[in-house]
Amino acid sequence: MQAIGLYQYGGPEVLRVLDLPEPHAGPGEVRVRVHAAAVNPSDTLLRAGVSAPFLEGSPPPWVPGMDVAGVIDEIGPGTDTDTDLTVGDAVMAMVIPLGTAAGGYAEQVVLPAARVVRAPAGIDHVAASTLPMNSLTALLARDLLALSPGSVLAVTGAAGMLGGYLVQLARHAGLTVVADAAPTDEDLVRSLGAHVVVPRGADVTDHILAAFPDGVSAVADTALIGPVLLDAVRDGGTYARFRSPGEPGFKNVESVRGIRIAAVFVPEYTNRPDKLHEILQLAEAGVLTPRVAATLPAAEAPEAHRLLAKGGIRGRLVLTF
């Protein structure tokens, strides 16, 4: 089985083509023949060694990748009682790459059946691979914020995949959405559903307050701007952060004026098939729209990581197997 992984942490050049033993599905598991794996910032953190504490005890090679789409090609013994998936079904899944060769950059991945769902009808493997992890993160943020229809949500980094999905979910939930964007991204962010678009940058808080002088109900800070955004949140509102202590870009934001700090950590939804099915339904309804920036053969994973590091990517880079 071909995979893309690493034996030592470092830059994109440490990624290499691997020939690994073919995995097989056990009880309660299915095997996915991967056709597409999205490239996420979390993959670069694993490659660079930021995730090393979670991989202690797992010898290399380590395989990145949290998003896959493909076809079921094996179902473990007795698993047919736990799932309605069958061999040949087109599926998508979020992968947690915390063991040896456990990530999604591989021709085949074995996963608990509950973590795999059919791909949305009419969406190909490449587009489907961009949905699971970022959509589930956005869904978790929506659920943690628990805002009532009509509430005002500010989203930073709205042109990115996570921010864009959150804008779409918020609009669908009846929220008023104010989002930031560079001039070249304004039309995109409006098309995703933002009611008000403000300039991105260091003074984004001032622009949000100019639009909503009383402050917003909540901020989802996918751009990792940090504490200054608290000034845009009304008393008793919520600030959602998307990085954990020790991760690059983490900002220590402490509560003031009764503002709640909500930590969005997508593994909380790892074993929530109901949430994965909700993503499926939202995508089929057109609420969530996948965005693919470019596809590259899996062997060009180092170049995909270099392109991601340059910034400015709108949509996901996807590796094909």
Protein backbone atom coordinates (compact mmCIF):
# COMPACT_ATOMS: atom_id res chain seq x y z
CA MET A 1 0.00 0.00 0.00
CA GLN A 2 1.31 3.43 -0.92
CA ALA A 3 1.21 6.21 1.65
CA ILE A 4 2.86 9.58 2.23
CA GLY A 5 4.58 10.00 5.56
CA LEU A 6 7.70 10.90 7.48
CA TYR A 7 10.36 9.37 9.66
CA GLN A 8 11.52 12.63 11.19
CA TYR A 9 9.91 15.99 11.78
CA GLY A 10 10.81 18.96 9.64
CA GLY A 11 9.84 20.92 6.56
CA PRO A 12 7.87 19.67 3.56
CA GLU A 13 10.93 17.83 2.29
CA VAL A 14 10.59 15.16 5.02
CA LEU A 15 7.41 13.83 3.38
CA ARG A 16 8.12 10.77 1.26
CA VAL A 17 6.36 7.98 -0.56
CA LEU A 18 6.08 4.90 1.66
CA ASP A 19 5.32 1.28 0.88
CA LEU A 20 3.35 0.02 3.88
CA PRO A 21 1.61 -3.26 4.68
CA GLU A 22 -2.01 -3.45 3.56
CA PRO A 23 -4.31 -2.84 6.55
CA HIS A 24 -7.44 -4.90 7.13
CA ALA A 25 -10.72 -4.06 8.83
CA GLY A 26 -11.42 -5.74 12.15
CA PRO A 27 -14.70 -6.07 14.05
CA GLY A 28 -16.61 -2.79 14.01
CA GLU A 29 -14.36 -1.36 11.31
CA VAL A 30 -14.42 -0.61 7.60
CA ARG A 31 -11.59 -0.05 5.16
CA VAL A 32 -11.71 2.88 2.76
CA ARG A 33 -9.87 2.84 -0.54
CA VAL A 34 -8.83 6.48 -0.48
CA HIS A 35 -9.15 8.44 -3.70
CA ALA A 36 -8.66 11.92 -2.23
CA ALA A 37 -7.13 13.36 0.94
CA ALA A 38 -7.45 17.06 1.76
CA VAL A 39 -4.37 18.96 2.96
CA ASN A 40 -5.07 20.89 6.17
CA PRO A 41 -2.98 23.15 8.41
CA SER A 42 -3.21 20.42 11.05
CA ASP A 43 -1.21 18.17 8.70
CA THR A 44 1.63 20.67 8.67
CA LEU A 45 1.63 20.75 12.47
CA LEU A 46 2.10 16.97 12.58
CA ARG A 47 4.85 17.15 9.98
CA ALA A 48 6.68 19.90 11.87
CA GLY A 49 6.59 18.03 15.18
CA VAL A 50 3.98 20.11 16.99
CA SER A 51 1.91 16.96 17.47
CA ALA A 52 4.90 14.96 18.76
CA PRO A 53 3.58 14.74 22.35
CA PHE A 54 0.51 12.91 21.04
CA LEU A 55 2.66 10.46 19.07
CA GLU A 56 4.92 9.35 21.92
CA GLY A 57 5.06 5.58 21.90
CA SER A 58 4.14 5.39 18.22
CA PRO A 59 7.29 4.71 16.19
CA PRO A 60 7.64 6.18 12.70
CA PRO A 61 6.63 6.34 10.00
CA TRP A 62 3.92 8.86 10.78
CA VAL A 63 1.28 9.54 8.15
CA PRO A 64 -0.55 12.89 8.22
CA GLY A 65 -4.05 13.54 6.96
CA MET A 66 -7.38 14.17 8.68
CA ASP A 67 -9.78 14.21 5.71
CA VAL A 68 -10.41 11.42 3.22
CA ALA A 69 -12.92 10.40 0.61
CA GLY A 70 -13.08 7.19 -1.35
CA VAL A 71 -14.88 3.85 -1.55
CA ILE A 72 -15.55 1.14 1.02
CA ASP A 73 -13.53 -1.90 -0.09
CA GLU A 74 -13.65 -4.07 3.05
CA ILE A 75 -15.99 -4.49 6.01
CA GLY A 76 -14.75 -6.13 9.20
CA PRO A 77 -16.30 -9.25 10.72
CA GLY A 78 -19.68 -8.56 12.27
CA THR A 79 -19.59 -4.89 11.27
CA ASP A 80 -22.64 -5.19 9.06
CA THR A 81 -24.76 -5.07 12.21
CA ASP A 82 -23.24 -1.68 13.15
CA THR A 83 -23.51 0.11 9.81
CA ASP A 84 -25.57 0.24 6.65
CA LEU A 85 -22.46 0.88 4.56
CA THR A 86 -21.63 -1.73 1.94
CA VAL A 87 -18.61 -2.49 -0.21
CA GLY A 88 -18.54 -0.07 -3.12
CA ASP A 89 -20.19 2.84 -1.30
CA ALA A 90 -18.62 6.26 -1.89
CA VAL A 91 -17.79 7.68 1.55
CA MET A 92 -15.99 10.44 3.44
CA ALA A 93 -14.45 10.43 6.90
CA MET A 94 -12.40 12.39 9.40
CA VAL A 95 -9.21 10.61 10.46
CA ILE A 96 -7.31 11.11 13.73
CA PRO A 97 -3.63 10.43 12.81
CA LEU A 98 -2.34 9.61 16.28
CA GLY A 99 -0.70 6.23 15.72
CA THR A 100 1.93 4.75 13.46
CA ALA A 101 0.86 5.17 9.81
CA ALA A 102 -2.61 6.17 11.01
CA GLY A 103 -3.33 9.23 8.88
CA GLY A 104 -5.30 9.83 5.72
CA TYR A 105 -2.43 10.27 3.23
CA ALA A 106 -2.69 6.61 2.25
CA GLU A 107 -4.31 4.42 -0.38
CA GLN A 108 -6.24 2.58 2.32
CA VAL A 109 -7.35 3.57 5.81
CA VAL A 110 -9.14 1.45 8.39
CA LEU A 111 -11.63 3.29 10.59
CA PRO A 112 -14.41 2.54 13.05
CA ALA A 113 -17.59 2.26 11.01
CA ALA A 114 -19.22 4.99 13.09
CA ARG A 115 -16.67 7.52 11.81
CA VAL A 116 -17.50 6.96 8.14
CA VAL A 117 -20.50 8.30 6.26
CA ARG A 118 -21.64 8.21 2.66
CA ALA A 119 -20.35 11.04 0.51
CA PRO A 120 -22.99 13.61 -0.47
CA ALA A 121 -24.82 12.75 -3.66
CA GLY A 122 -23.48 14.59 -6.69
CA ILE A 123 -20.13 15.45 -5.04
CA ASP A 124 -17.01 13.71 -6.29
CA HIS A 125 -14.22 12.27 -4.13
CA VAL A 126 -12.03 15.37 -4.37
CA ALA A 127 -14.76 17.76 -3.24
CA ALA A 128 -16.04 15.36 -0.56
CA SER A 129 -12.57 15.15 1.00
CA THR A 130 -12.70 18.85 1.90
CA LEU A 131 -15.79 18.46 4.06
CA PRO A 132 -15.35 16.28 7.17
CA MET A 133 -12.82 17.90 9.48
CA ASN A 134 -13.46 21.58 8.72
CA SER A 135 -17.23 21.16 8.56
CA LEU A 136 -17.29 19.24 11.85
CA THR A 137 -15.13 21.95 13.45
CA ALA A 138 -17.52 24.62 12.22
CA LEU A 139 -20.49 22.58 13.42
CA LEU A 140 -18.92 22.15 16.86
CA ALA A 141 -18.33 25.90 17.05
CA ARG A 142 -21.94 26.55 16.11
CA ASP A 143 -23.13 24.12 18.78
CA LEU A 144 -20.84 25.55 21.47
CA LEU A 145 -21.89 29.11 20.71
CA ALA A 146 -25.57 28.09 20.97
CA LEU A 147 -26.79 31.42 19.61
CA SER A 148 -30.47 32.18 19.05
CA PRO A 149 -31.72 33.23 15.61
CA GLY A 150 -31.15 36.93 15.11
CA SER A 151 -28.00 37.00 17.23
CA VAL A 152 -24.93 38.59 15.67
CA LEU A 153 -21.87 36.45 15.05
CA ALA A 154 -18.53 37.84 13.88
CA VAL A 155 -16.29 35.43 11.96
CA THR A 156 -12.62 36.19 11.32
CA GLY A 157 -10.76 34.36 8.59
CA ALA A 158 -14.04 34.02 6.73
CA ALA A 159 -12.42 33.38 3.33
CA GLY A 160 -10.69 30.26 4.68
CA MET A 161 -12.28 26.83 4.68
CA LEU A 162 -13.18 26.74 8.37
CA GLY A 163 -14.34 30.34 8.45
CA GLY A 164 -16.32 29.90 5.26
CA TYR A 165 -18.13 26.82 6.50
CA LEU A 166 -18.93 28.63 9.75
CA VAL A 167 -20.38 31.58 7.85
CA GLN A 168 -22.61 29.20 5.91
CA LEU A 169 -23.77 27.34 9.02
CA ALA A 170 -24.43 30.60 10.88
CA ARG A 171 -26.48 32.03 8.04
CA HIS A 172 -28.45 28.78 7.84
CA ALA A 173 -29.13 28.99 11.59
CA GLY A 174 -30.71 32.42 11.21
CA LEU A 175 -27.80 34.41 12.65
CA THR A 176 -26.68 37.80 11.44
CA VAL A 177 -23.11 37.35 10.23
CA VAL A 178 -20.38 39.97 10.07
CA ALA A 179 -17.19 38.66 8.54
CA ASP A 180 -13.78 40.01 7.58
CA ALA A 181 -12.19 39.83 4.14
CA ALA A 182 -9.40 41.22 2.03
CA PRO A 183 -10.65 43.30 -0.91
CA THR A 184 -10.06 40.37 -3.28
CA ASP A 185 -12.17 38.07 -1.07
CA GLU A 186 -15.17 40.33 -0.43
CA ASP A 187 -17.35 38.80 -3.13
CA LEU A 188 -16.48 35.28 -1.97
CA VAL A 189 -17.36 36.00 1.66
CA ARG A 190 -20.63 37.63 0.66
CA SER A 191 -21.48 34.63 -1.51
CA LEU A 192 -20.96 32.38 1.51
CA GLY A 193 -23.68 34.27 3.36
CA ALA A 194 -22.11 37.13 5.32
CA HIS A 195 -24.59 39.98 5.83
CA VAL A 196 -21.83 42.51 6.53
CA VAL A 197 -18.24 42.32 5.28
CA VAL A 198 -15.55 44.39 6.99
CA PRO A 199 -11.86 44.83 6.09
CA ARG A 200 -9.53 42.26 7.59
CA GLY A 201 -6.46 43.38 9.51
CA ALA A 202 -5.26 44.71 12.86
CA ASP A 203 -8.18 47.15 13.14
CA VAL A 204 -10.91 44.59 12.43
CA THR A 205 -12.37 45.17 15.90
CA ASP A 206 -12.96 48.84 15.07
CA HIS A 207 -14.70 47.89 11.84
CA ILE A 208 -16.96 45.38 13.62
CA LEU A 209 -17.93 47.99 16.22
CA ALA A 210 -18.60 50.55 13.49
CA ALA A 211 -21.16 48.14 12.05
CA PHE A 212 -22.51 46.97 15.45
CA PRO A 213 -21.83 49.68 18.06
CA ASP A 214 -23.34 47.64 20.90
CA GLY A 215 -21.02 44.73 20.15
CA VAL A 216 -21.72 41.30 18.72
CA SER A 217 -23.15 38.28 20.50
CA ALA A 218 -20.09 36.18 19.75
CA VAL A 219 -16.83 36.05 17.81
CA ALA A 220 -15.50 32.93 16.08
CA ASP A 221 -11.81 33.74 15.72
CA THR A 222 -10.64 31.34 13.02
CA ALA A 223 -7.96 33.87 12.00
CA LEU A 224 -6.38 33.60 15.49
CA ILE A 225 -6.39 37.35 16.08
CA GLY A 226 -6.76 37.05 19.85
CA PRO A 227 -7.69 39.22 22.84
CA VAL A 228 -8.32 42.48 20.98
CA LEU A 229 -11.50 40.94 19.58
CA LEU A 230 -13.04 40.84 23.05
CA ASP A 231 -13.67 44.57 22.64
CA ALA A 232 -16.13 43.72 19.86
CA VAL A 233 -18.14 41.31 22.05
CA ARG A 234 -20.97 42.56 24.20
CA ASP A 235 -21.02 41.82 27.94
CA GLY A 236 -21.81 38.16 28.60
CA GLY A 237 -21.11 37.14 25.00
CA THR A 238 -18.81 34.39 23.75
CA TYR A 239 -15.37 34.20 22.14
CA ALA A 240 -14.57 30.95 20.32
CA ARG A 241 -10.91 29.97 19.88
CA PHE A 242 -9.59 27.31 17.53
CA ARG A 243 -6.07 26.51 18.74
CA SER A 244 -4.94 24.82 21.95
CA PRO A 245 -2.05 25.86 24.23
CA GLY A 246 1.28 24.93 22.66
CA GLU A 247 0.01 25.10 19.09
CA PRO A 248 1.31 27.81 16.72
CA GLY A 249 -1.00 30.80 16.66
CA PHE A 250 -2.52 30.11 20.08
CA LYS A 251 -3.54 33.31 21.86
CA ASN A 252 -4.24 33.30 25.58
CA VAL A 253 -7.64 34.96 25.80
CA GLU A 254 -9.06 35.47 29.28
CA SER A 255 -12.62 36.30 30.16
CA VAL A 256 -13.61 39.90 30.82
CA ARG A 257 -17.08 41.44 31.30
CA GLY A 258 -18.56 37.98 31.69
CA ILE A 259 -17.51 36.89 28.20
CA ARG A 260 -17.33 33.10 27.90
CA ILE A 261 -14.28 31.54 26.25
CA ALA A 262 -15.27 28.49 24.19
CA ALA A 263 -12.49 26.12 23.10
CA VAL A 264 -13.33 24.39 19.82
CA PHE A 265 -11.53 21.03 19.65
CA VAL A 266 -12.83 18.89 16.80
CA PRO A 267 -11.84 15.46 18.24
CA GLU A 268 -14.83 15.97 20.57
CA TYR A 269 -16.95 15.06 17.54
CA THR A 270 -14.80 12.09 16.50
CA ASN A 271 -17.35 9.55 17.71
CA ARG A 272 -20.49 11.47 16.80
CA PRO A 273 -21.95 9.80 13.70
CA ASP A 274 -25.03 11.99 14.12
CA LYS A 275 -22.90 15.06 13.48
CA LEU A 276 -21.18 13.50 10.47
CA HIS A 277 -24.60 12.65 9.05
CA GLU A 278 -25.68 16.24 9.67
CA ILE A 279 -22.72 17.39 7.56
CA LEU A 280 -23.83 15.00 4.82
CA GLN A 281 -27.37 16.36 4.88
CA LEU A 282 -26.23 20.00 4.90
CA ALA A 283 -23.93 19.39 1.95
CA GLU A 284 -26.68 17.66 -0.03
CA ALA A 285 -29.00 20.59 0.73
CA GLY A 286 -26.40 23.03 -0.59
CA VAL A 287 -25.89 24.72 2.78
CA LEU A 288 -22.24 23.64 2.86
CA THR A 289 -20.35 24.01 -0.40
CA PRO A 290 -16.94 22.35 -0.83
CA ARG A 291 -14.16 24.47 -2.32
CA VAL A 292 -11.19 22.85 -4.03
CA ALA A 293 -8.16 25.04 -4.75
CA ALA A 294 -6.17 22.43 -6.68
CA THR A 295 -5.45 18.72 -6.88
CA LEU A 296 -1.99 17.16 -6.83
CA PRO A 297 -0.85 13.54 -7.12
CA ALA A 298 -0.11 12.12 -3.66
CA ALA A 299 3.61 11.95 -4.42
CA GLU A 300 3.59 15.76 -4.65
CA ALA A 301 2.54 16.17 -1.01
CA PRO A 302 5.72 18.20 -0.24
CA GLU A 303 4.68 20.75 -2.87
CA ALA A 304 1.16 20.87 -1.45
CA HIS A 305 2.58 21.70 1.98
CA ARG A 306 4.79 24.41 0.45
CA LEU A 307 1.82 25.96 -1.33
CA LEU A 308 -0.24 25.92 1.86
CA ALA A 309 2.58 27.60 3.78
CA LYS A 310 2.69 30.47 1.28
CA GLY A 311 -0.86 31.41 2.26
CA GLY A 312 -3.60 32.89 0.13
CA ILE A 313 -5.10 29.50 -0.76
CA ARG A 314 -8.86 29.75 -1.20
CA GLY A 315 -10.30 26.28 -0.94
CA ARG A 316 -8.45 23.08 -0.08
CA LEU A 317 -5.48 21.51 -1.78
CA VAL A 318 -6.28 17.84 -2.30
CA LEU A 319 -3.97 14.86 -2.82
CA THR A 320 -5.24 12.15 -5.16
CA PHE A 321 -4.41 8.43 -4.93
